[in-house]
Amino acid sequence: MTSRRARRTSLVPLSLLMVLGALLLPGPGCAKPRYYRVTDPATNNVYYTQKLRRPMDNKTITFRDVKTNRTHTLDRAQVDQLDRPEYQTATAGLADP
């Protein structure tokens, strides 16, 4: 059986590692923004968004279009990831949500 002192000293490195790990992990505010162009093949409508939500069935996507500020759910869509300058050019004159 180990003494209390031996148990306490063995937990110190573990707790130190946990604290360091929590500090080094990026938080949600540090995530790099993503930009998407979503094209509906049925209507050829093009939408721009920064967030996509895919339900568990993974067949549909839900997003909010920045131009109309409306939420859309599409069964089939072509999703292209854009870089920031492309997104800004496409949504010029609109405020980010």
C-alpha atoms as a PDB file:
ATOM      1  CA  MET A   1       0.000   0.000   0.000  1.00  0.00           C
ATOM      2  CA  THR A   2       1.313   3.455  -0.855  1.00  0.00           C
ATOM      3  CA  SER A   3       1.557   6.328   1.535  1.00  0.00           C
ATOM      4  CA  ARG A   4      -0.483   9.486   1.152  1.00  0.00           C
ATOM      5  CA  ARG A   5       2.592  11.489   0.234  1.00  0.00           C
ATOM      6  CA  ALA A   6       3.532   9.065  -2.561  1.00  0.00           C
ATOM      7  CA  ARG A   7      -0.021   9.167  -3.945  1.00  0.00           C
ATOM      8  CA  ARG A   8      -0.123  12.967  -3.845  1.00  0.00           C
ATOM      9  CA  THR A   9       3.194  13.373  -5.664  1.00  0.00           C
ATOM     10  CA  SER A  10       2.139  10.938  -8.369  1.00  0.00           C
ATOM     11  CA  LEU A  11      -1.012  12.994  -9.037  1.00  0.00           C
ATOM     12  CA  VAL A  12       0.865  16.282  -9.413  1.00  0.00           C
ATOM     13  CA  PRO A  13       2.296  15.513 -12.878  1.00  0.00           C
ATOM     14  CA  LEU A  14      -1.087  14.257 -14.069  1.00  0.00           C
ATOM     15  CA  SER A  15      -2.896  17.398 -12.945  1.00  0.00           C
ATOM     16  CA  LEU A  16      -0.132  19.567 -14.394  1.00  0.00           C
ATOM     17  CA  LEU A  17      -0.495  17.809 -17.753  1.00  0.00           C
ATOM     18  CA  MET A  18      -4.262  18.292 -17.691  1.00  0.00           C
ATOM     19  CA  VAL A  19      -3.929  22.035 -17.029  1.00  0.00           C
ATOM     20  CA  LEU A  20      -1.313  22.466 -19.757  1.00  0.00           C
ATOM     21  CA  GLY A  21      -3.414  20.481 -22.197  1.00  0.00           C
ATOM     22  CA  ALA A  22      -6.467  22.659 -21.530  1.00  0.00           C
ATOM     23  CA  LEU A  23      -4.431  25.808 -22.080  1.00  0.00           C
ATOM     24  CA  LEU A  24      -2.973  24.614 -25.354  1.00  0.00           C
ATOM     25  CA  LEU A  25      -6.250  23.499 -26.946  1.00  0.00           C
ATOM     26  CA  PRO A  26      -7.829  26.189 -29.109  1.00  0.00           C
ATOM     27  CA  GLY A  27     -11.232  27.354 -27.975  1.00  0.00           C
ATOM     28  CA  PRO A  28     -14.263  27.907 -30.200  1.00  0.00           C
ATOM     29  CA  GLY A  29     -13.337  31.567 -30.613  1.00  0.00           C
ATOM     30  CA  CYS A  30      -9.965  30.626 -32.074  1.00  0.00           C
ATOM     31  CA  ALA A  31     -11.320  28.495 -34.888  1.00  0.00           C
ATOM     32  CA  LYS A  32     -10.539  29.677 -38.397  1.00  0.00           C
ATOM     33  CA  PRO A  33     -13.710  30.845 -40.160  1.00  0.00           C
ATOM     34  CA  ARG A  34     -14.870  28.856 -43.151  1.00  0.00           C
ATOM     35  CA  TYR A  35     -16.707  30.180 -46.153  1.00  0.00           C
ATOM     36  CA  TYR A  36     -18.979  28.193 -48.455  1.00  0.00           C
ATOM     37  CA  ARG A  37     -20.783  28.607 -51.770  1.00  0.00           C
ATOM     38  CA  VAL A  38     -23.794  26.308 -51.936  1.00  0.00           C
ATOM     39  CA  THR A  39     -25.376  25.640 -55.318  1.00  0.00           C
ATOM     40  CA  ASP A  40     -28.798  24.037 -55.640  1.00  0.00           C
ATOM     41  CA  PRO A  41     -28.569  21.868 -58.796  1.00  0.00           C
ATOM     42  CA  ALA A  42     -32.353  21.780 -59.222  1.00  0.00           C
ATOM     43  CA  THR A  43     -32.702  25.569 -59.519  1.00  0.00           C
ATOM     44  CA  ASN A  44     -29.080  26.675 -60.052  1.00  0.00           C
ATOM     45  CA  ASN A  45     -29.520  29.148 -57.182  1.00  0.00           C
ATOM     46  CA  VAL A  46     -26.265  30.075 -55.456  1.00  0.00           C
ATOM     47  CA  TYR A  47     -26.060  30.794 -51.728  1.00  0.00           C
ATOM     48  CA  TYR A  48     -23.212  31.922 -49.492  1.00  0.00           C
ATOM     49  CA  THR A  49     -22.772  30.931 -45.865  1.00  0.00           C
ATOM     50  CA  GLN A  50     -20.212  30.441 -43.125  1.00  0.00           C
ATOM     51  CA  LYS A  51     -21.917  27.548 -41.346  1.00  0.00           C
ATOM     52  CA  LEU A  52     -23.304  24.282 -42.644  1.00  0.00           C
ATOM     53  CA  ARG A  53     -25.275  21.814 -40.593  1.00  0.00           C
ATOM     54  CA  ARG A  54     -25.565  18.228 -41.715  1.00  0.00           C
ATOM     55  CA  PRO A  55     -28.090  16.090 -39.836  1.00  0.00           C
ATOM     56  CA  MET A  56     -27.321  12.507 -38.878  1.00  0.00           C
ATOM     57  CA  ASP A  57     -28.752  11.156 -42.143  1.00  0.00           C
ATOM     58  CA  ASN A  58     -26.027  13.144 -43.989  1.00  0.00           C
ATOM     59  CA  LYS A  59     -28.337  13.516 -46.988  1.00  0.00           C
ATOM     60  CA  THR A  60     -29.465  17.110 -46.460  1.00  0.00           C
ATOM     61  CA  ILE A  61     -27.722  20.300 -45.447  1.00  0.00           C
ATOM     62  CA  THR A  62     -29.119  23.281 -43.597  1.00  0.00           C
ATOM     63  CA  PHE A  63     -27.593  26.744 -43.727  1.00  0.00           C
ATOM     64  CA  ARG A  64     -28.411  30.450 -43.492  1.00  0.00           C
ATOM     65  CA  ASP A  65     -27.806  32.455 -46.669  1.00  0.00           C
ATOM     66  CA  VAL A  66     -26.004  35.736 -45.922  1.00  0.00           C
ATOM     67  CA  LYS A  67     -27.634  37.595 -48.808  1.00  0.00           C
ATOM     68  CA  THR A  68     -31.258  36.893 -47.870  1.00  0.00           C
ATOM     69  CA  ASN A  69     -30.708  35.964 -44.196  1.00  0.00           C
ATOM     70  CA  ARG A  70     -33.016  32.978 -44.730  1.00  0.00           C
ATOM     71  CA  THR A  71     -32.458  29.413 -43.606  1.00  0.00           C
ATOM     72  CA  HIS A  72     -32.459  26.813 -46.375  1.00  0.00           C
ATOM     73  CA  THR A  73     -32.509  23.027 -46.297  1.00  0.00           C
ATOM     74  CA  LEU A  74     -31.466  21.248 -49.466  1.00  0.00           C
ATOM     75  CA  ASP A  75     -31.565  17.544 -50.283  1.00  0.00           C
ATOM     76  CA  ARG A  76     -28.811  17.706 -52.853  1.00  0.00           C
ATOM     77  CA  ALA A  77     -26.390  20.536 -53.143  1.00  0.00           C
ATOM     78  CA  GLN A  78     -22.947  21.266 -54.460  1.00  0.00           C
ATOM     79  CA  VAL A  79     -20.833  22.758 -51.672  1.00  0.00           C
ATOM     80  CA  ASP A  80     -17.593  24.555 -52.460  1.00  0.00           C
ATOM     81  CA  GLN A  81     -15.303  25.895 -49.775  1.00  0.00           C
ATOM     82  CA  LEU A  82     -14.056  29.393 -50.599  1.00  0.00           C
ATOM     83  CA  ASP A  83     -11.174  31.433 -49.321  1.00  0.00           C
ATOM     84  CA  ARG A  84     -11.888  34.740 -47.629  1.00  0.00           C
ATOM     85  CA  PRO A  85     -11.231  37.069 -50.620  1.00  0.00           C
ATOM     86  CA  GLU A  86     -13.580  35.048 -52.872  1.00  0.00           C
ATOM     87  CA  TYR A  87     -16.285  35.093 -50.212  1.00  0.00           C
ATOM     88  CA  GLN A  88     -15.890  38.825 -49.631  1.00  0.00           C
ATOM     89  CA  THR A  89     -16.077  39.550 -53.361  1.00  0.00           C
ATOM     90  CA  ALA A  90     -19.227  37.442 -53.748  1.00  0.00           C
ATOM     91  CA  THR A  91     -20.935  39.035 -50.753  1.00  0.00           C
ATOM     92  CA  ALA A  92     -19.644  42.582 -51.272  1.00  0.00           C
ATOM     93  CA  GLY A  93     -21.835  45.193 -49.668  1.00  0.00           C
ATOM     94  CA  LEU A  94     -23.375  42.783 -47.187  1.00  0.00           C
ATOM     95  CA  ALA A  95     -22.627  42.651 -43.478  1.00  0.00           C
ATOM     96  CA  ASP A  96     -21.479  39.300 -42.070  1.00  0.00           C
ATOM     97  CA  PRO A  97     -24.101  37.729 -39.787  1.00  0.00           C
END
